[in-house]
Amino acid sequence: MVGSFHEGLDNIPGLMGSPMRDRAEINNFRTGMVEGIKGLSYGIWDGVTGLVTEPIEGAKKSGVGGFFSGMGKSCEFQCICC
């Protein structure tokens, strides 16, 4: 049940159009800890950089409206994950 919940949350960026990171298969405690640490560190990194990159990419695609759309998209994703 916990694994299914994790996989569902792991798919949220893909549903919102953001790139997703590949995960390695978890076979034992060690690989689980490694993937957990990588997931936490990448999550923090992607969250902080997404606040800057999403509005910039939106502005490149659609101008001022795209900037605000990207800002809303990044803030919405941050709120879902917190």
N, C-alpha and C. Protein backbone atom coordinates (compact mmCIF):
# COMPACT_ATOMS: atom_id res chain seq x y z
N MET A 1 0.82 -1.18 0.00
CA MET A 1 0.00 0.00 0.00
C MET A 1 0.88 1.26 0.00
N VAL A 2 1.93 1.26 0.82
CA VAL A 2 2.82 2.41 0.88
C VAL A 2 3.55 2.59 -0.45
N GLY A 3 3.97 1.48 -1.05
CA GLY A 3 4.66 1.55 -2.34
C GLY A 3 3.77 2.12 -3.43
N SER A 4 2.51 1.74 -3.45
CA SER A 4 1.57 2.26 -4.44
C SER A 4 1.33 3.75 -4.25
N PHE A 5 1.23 4.17 -2.99
CA PHE A 5 1.06 5.59 -2.69
C PHE A 5 2.28 6.39 -3.16
N HIS A 6 3.46 5.83 -2.93
CA HIS A 6 4.70 6.49 -3.36
C HIS A 6 4.75 6.60 -4.88
N GLU A 7 4.40 5.55 -5.58
CA GLU A 7 4.42 5.59 -7.04
C GLU A 7 3.43 6.61 -7.57
N GLY A 8 2.28 6.73 -6.93
CA GLY A 8 1.30 7.73 -7.34
C GLY A 8 1.83 9.14 -7.19
N LEU A 9 2.47 9.42 -6.05
CA LEU A 9 3.06 10.75 -5.84
C LEU A 9 4.24 10.99 -6.77
N ASP A 10 4.95 9.93 -7.11
CA ASP A 10 6.11 10.04 -7.98
C ASP A 10 5.70 10.43 -9.40
N ASN A 11 4.46 10.18 -9.79
CA ASN A 11 3.99 10.49 -11.14
C ASN A 11 3.43 11.90 -11.28
N ILE A 12 3.29 12.64 -10.21
CA ILE A 12 2.69 13.98 -10.27
C ILE A 12 3.45 14.91 -11.21
N PRO A 13 4.78 14.98 -11.17
CA PRO A 13 5.47 15.90 -12.11
C PRO A 13 5.18 15.56 -13.57
N GLY A 14 5.10 14.28 -13.90
CA GLY A 14 4.81 13.88 -15.28
C GLY A 14 3.41 14.30 -15.71
N LEU A 15 2.46 14.25 -14.79
CA LEU A 15 1.10 14.67 -15.11
C LEU A 15 1.02 16.17 -15.35
N MET A 16 1.92 16.92 -14.73
CA MET A 16 1.92 18.37 -14.88
C MET A 16 2.83 18.84 -16.01
N GLY A 17 3.43 17.90 -16.73
CA GLY A 17 4.25 18.26 -17.88
C GLY A 17 5.72 18.49 -17.57
N SER A 18 6.15 18.23 -16.36
CA SER A 18 7.55 18.40 -15.99
C SER A 18 8.30 17.09 -16.23
N PRO A 19 9.62 17.17 -16.42
CA PRO A 19 10.38 15.93 -16.62
C PRO A 19 10.42 15.10 -15.35
N MET A 20 10.50 13.80 -15.54
CA MET A 20 10.54 12.88 -14.40
C MET A 20 11.90 12.19 -14.37
N ARG A 21 12.34 11.85 -13.19
CA ARG A 21 13.60 11.13 -13.02
C ARG A 21 13.34 9.63 -12.93
N ASP A 22 14.26 8.85 -13.50
CA ASP A 22 14.15 7.40 -13.41
C ASP A 22 14.61 6.93 -12.04
N ARG A 23 13.98 5.88 -11.56
CA ARG A 23 14.36 5.29 -10.28
C ARG A 23 14.93 3.90 -10.51
N ALA A 24 15.90 3.53 -9.69
CA ALA A 24 16.44 2.17 -9.75
C ALA A 24 15.51 1.22 -9.00
N GLU A 25 15.65 -0.04 -9.28
CA GLU A 25 14.83 -1.04 -8.60
C GLU A 25 15.34 -1.21 -7.17
N ILE A 26 14.43 -1.34 -6.24
CA ILE A 26 14.78 -1.50 -4.84
C ILE A 26 14.67 -2.98 -4.49
N ASN A 27 15.81 -3.56 -4.10
CA ASN A 27 15.84 -4.99 -3.79
C ASN A 27 16.06 -5.28 -2.31
N ASN A 28 16.70 -4.37 -1.59
CA ASN A 28 17.00 -4.60 -0.18
C ASN A 28 17.05 -3.27 0.55
N PHE A 29 17.42 -3.31 1.82
CA PHE A 29 17.43 -2.11 2.64
C PHE A 29 18.42 -1.07 2.10
N ARG A 30 19.59 -1.52 1.69
CA ARG A 30 20.62 -0.60 1.20
C ARG A 30 20.16 0.16 -0.04
N THR A 31 19.64 -0.56 -1.02
CA THR A 31 19.18 0.11 -2.25
C THR A 31 17.99 1.01 -1.95
N GLY A 32 17.17 0.62 -0.99
CA GLY A 32 16.04 1.46 -0.59
C GLY A 32 16.51 2.76 0.03
N MET A 33 17.52 2.68 0.89
CA MET A 33 18.07 3.89 1.51
C MET A 33 18.72 4.80 0.47
N VAL A 34 19.47 4.22 -0.46
CA VAL A 34 20.13 5.01 -1.50
C VAL A 34 19.09 5.74 -2.34
N GLU A 35 18.05 5.04 -2.76
CA GLU A 35 17.01 5.67 -3.58
C GLU A 35 16.23 6.71 -2.78
N GLY A 36 16.02 6.45 -1.48
CA GLY A 36 15.34 7.42 -0.64
C GLY A 36 16.13 8.71 -0.49
N ILE A 37 17.43 8.60 -0.28
CA ILE A 37 18.29 9.78 -0.16
C ILE A 37 18.36 10.53 -1.48
N LYS A 38 18.50 9.78 -2.58
CA LYS A 38 18.51 10.44 -3.90
C LYS A 38 17.20 11.14 -4.17
N GLY A 39 16.09 10.49 -3.83
CA GLY A 39 14.78 11.09 -4.06
C GLY A 39 14.58 12.36 -3.25
N LEU A 40 15.01 12.35 -2.00
CA LEU A 40 14.89 13.53 -1.15
C LEU A 40 15.75 14.67 -1.67
N SER A 41 17.01 14.37 -2.01
CA SER A 41 17.90 15.44 -2.47
C SER A 41 17.46 15.98 -3.83
N TYR A 42 17.06 15.11 -4.75
CA TYR A 42 16.56 15.59 -6.05
C TYR A 42 15.26 16.36 -5.88
N GLY A 43 14.41 15.94 -4.95
CA GLY A 43 13.15 16.64 -4.71
C GLY A 43 13.37 18.06 -4.22
N ILE A 44 14.31 18.22 -3.31
CA ILE A 44 14.62 19.58 -2.82
C ILE A 44 15.23 20.41 -3.95
N TRP A 45 16.17 19.82 -4.69
CA TRP A 45 16.82 20.54 -5.79
C TRP A 45 15.80 20.94 -6.85
N ASP A 46 14.98 20.01 -7.28
CA ASP A 46 13.99 20.30 -8.33
C ASP A 46 12.96 21.32 -7.85
N GLY A 47 12.60 21.26 -6.57
CA GLY A 47 11.64 22.22 -6.03
C GLY A 47 12.17 23.63 -6.03
N VAL A 48 13.41 23.80 -5.60
CA VAL A 48 14.00 25.14 -5.55
C VAL A 48 14.26 25.68 -6.95
N THR A 49 14.83 24.86 -7.82
CA THR A 49 15.11 25.34 -9.17
C THR A 49 13.84 25.52 -9.99
N GLY A 50 12.79 24.72 -9.69
CA GLY A 50 11.52 24.85 -10.42
C GLY A 50 10.85 26.19 -10.20
N LEU A 51 11.07 26.78 -9.03
CA LEU A 51 10.50 28.11 -8.77
C LEU A 51 11.07 29.17 -9.69
N VAL A 52 12.25 28.92 -10.25
CA VAL A 52 12.88 29.86 -11.16
C VAL A 52 12.68 29.44 -12.61
N THR A 53 12.90 28.16 -12.89
CA THR A 53 12.91 27.71 -14.29
C THR A 53 11.52 27.63 -14.92
N GLU A 54 10.50 27.24 -14.17
CA GLU A 54 9.15 27.13 -14.74
C GLU A 54 8.64 28.47 -15.28
N PRO A 55 8.72 29.57 -14.53
CA PRO A 55 8.27 30.86 -15.08
C PRO A 55 9.09 31.31 -16.29
N ILE A 56 10.39 31.03 -16.29
CA ILE A 56 11.24 31.44 -17.42
C ILE A 56 10.85 30.65 -18.67
N GLU A 57 10.66 29.35 -18.52
CA GLU A 57 10.26 28.54 -19.68
C GLU A 57 8.88 28.95 -20.19
N GLY A 58 7.97 29.26 -19.27
CA GLY A 58 6.65 29.72 -19.67
C GLY A 58 6.71 31.04 -20.42
N ALA A 59 7.60 31.94 -19.98
CA ALA A 59 7.75 33.24 -20.65
C ALA A 59 8.33 33.06 -22.05
N LYS A 60 9.25 32.13 -22.22
CA LYS A 60 9.82 31.86 -23.54
C LYS A 60 8.77 31.33 -24.51
N LYS A 61 7.86 30.51 -23.99
CA LYS A 61 6.85 29.91 -24.85
C LYS A 61 5.70 30.86 -25.16
N SER A 62 5.21 31.60 -24.13
CA SER A 62 3.98 32.36 -24.31
C SER A 62 4.04 33.80 -23.83
N GLY A 63 5.22 34.31 -23.58
CA GLY A 63 5.34 35.70 -23.15
C GLY A 63 4.94 35.90 -21.70
N VAL A 64 4.35 37.07 -21.43
CA VAL A 64 4.00 37.44 -20.06
C VAL A 64 2.98 36.47 -19.46
N GLY A 65 1.99 36.09 -20.25
CA GLY A 65 0.99 35.13 -19.76
C GLY A 65 1.63 33.80 -19.41
N GLY A 66 2.60 33.37 -20.21
CA GLY A 66 3.31 32.13 -19.93
C GLY A 66 4.14 32.21 -18.67
N PHE A 67 4.68 33.41 -18.40
CA PHE A 67 5.45 33.61 -17.17
C PHE A 67 4.57 33.37 -15.96
N PHE A 68 3.39 33.99 -15.95
CA PHE A 68 2.49 33.82 -14.81
C PHE A 68 1.93 32.41 -14.74
N SER A 69 1.73 31.79 -15.89
CA SER A 69 1.29 30.40 -15.91
C SER A 69 2.37 29.49 -15.32
N GLY A 70 3.62 29.72 -15.69
CA GLY A 70 4.73 28.94 -15.14
C GLY A 70 4.90 29.17 -13.66
N MET A 71 4.67 30.40 -13.21
CA MET A 71 4.76 30.70 -11.79
C MET A 71 3.68 29.94 -11.02
N GLY A 72 2.48 29.94 -11.55
CA GLY A 72 1.39 29.20 -10.91
C GLY A 72 1.65 27.71 -10.92
N LYS A 73 2.20 27.21 -12.02
CA LYS A 73 2.49 25.78 -12.13
C LYS A 73 3.54 25.36 -11.10
N SER A 74 4.58 26.16 -10.94
CA SER A 74 5.62 25.79 -9.98
C SER A 74 5.11 25.91 -8.55
N CYS A 75 4.34 26.91 -8.25
CA CYS A 75 3.80 27.06 -6.89
C CYS A 75 2.79 25.98 -6.58
N GLU A 76 1.98 25.60 -7.56
CA GLU A 76 0.99 24.55 -7.36
C GLU A 76 1.70 23.23 -7.08
N PHE A 77 2.76 22.95 -7.83
CA PHE A 77 3.50 21.70 -7.61
C PHE A 77 4.15 21.70 -6.24
N GLN A 78 4.68 22.83 -5.80
CA GLN A 78 5.31 22.91 -4.49
C GLN A 78 4.27 22.66 -3.40
N CYS A 79 3.08 23.20 -3.55
CA CYS A 79 2.03 23.02 -2.54
C CYS A 79 1.56 21.58 -2.46
N ILE A 80 1.50 20.90 -3.60
CA ILE A 80 1.07 19.51 -3.61
C ILE A 80 2.08 18.64 -2.90
N CYS A 81 3.36 18.91 -3.12
CA CYS A 81 4.40 18.05 -2.55
C CYS A 81 4.64 18.31 -1.08
N CYS A 82 4.28 19.48 -0.58
CA CYS A 82 4.56 19.79 0.84
C CYS A 82 3.51 19.29 1.76
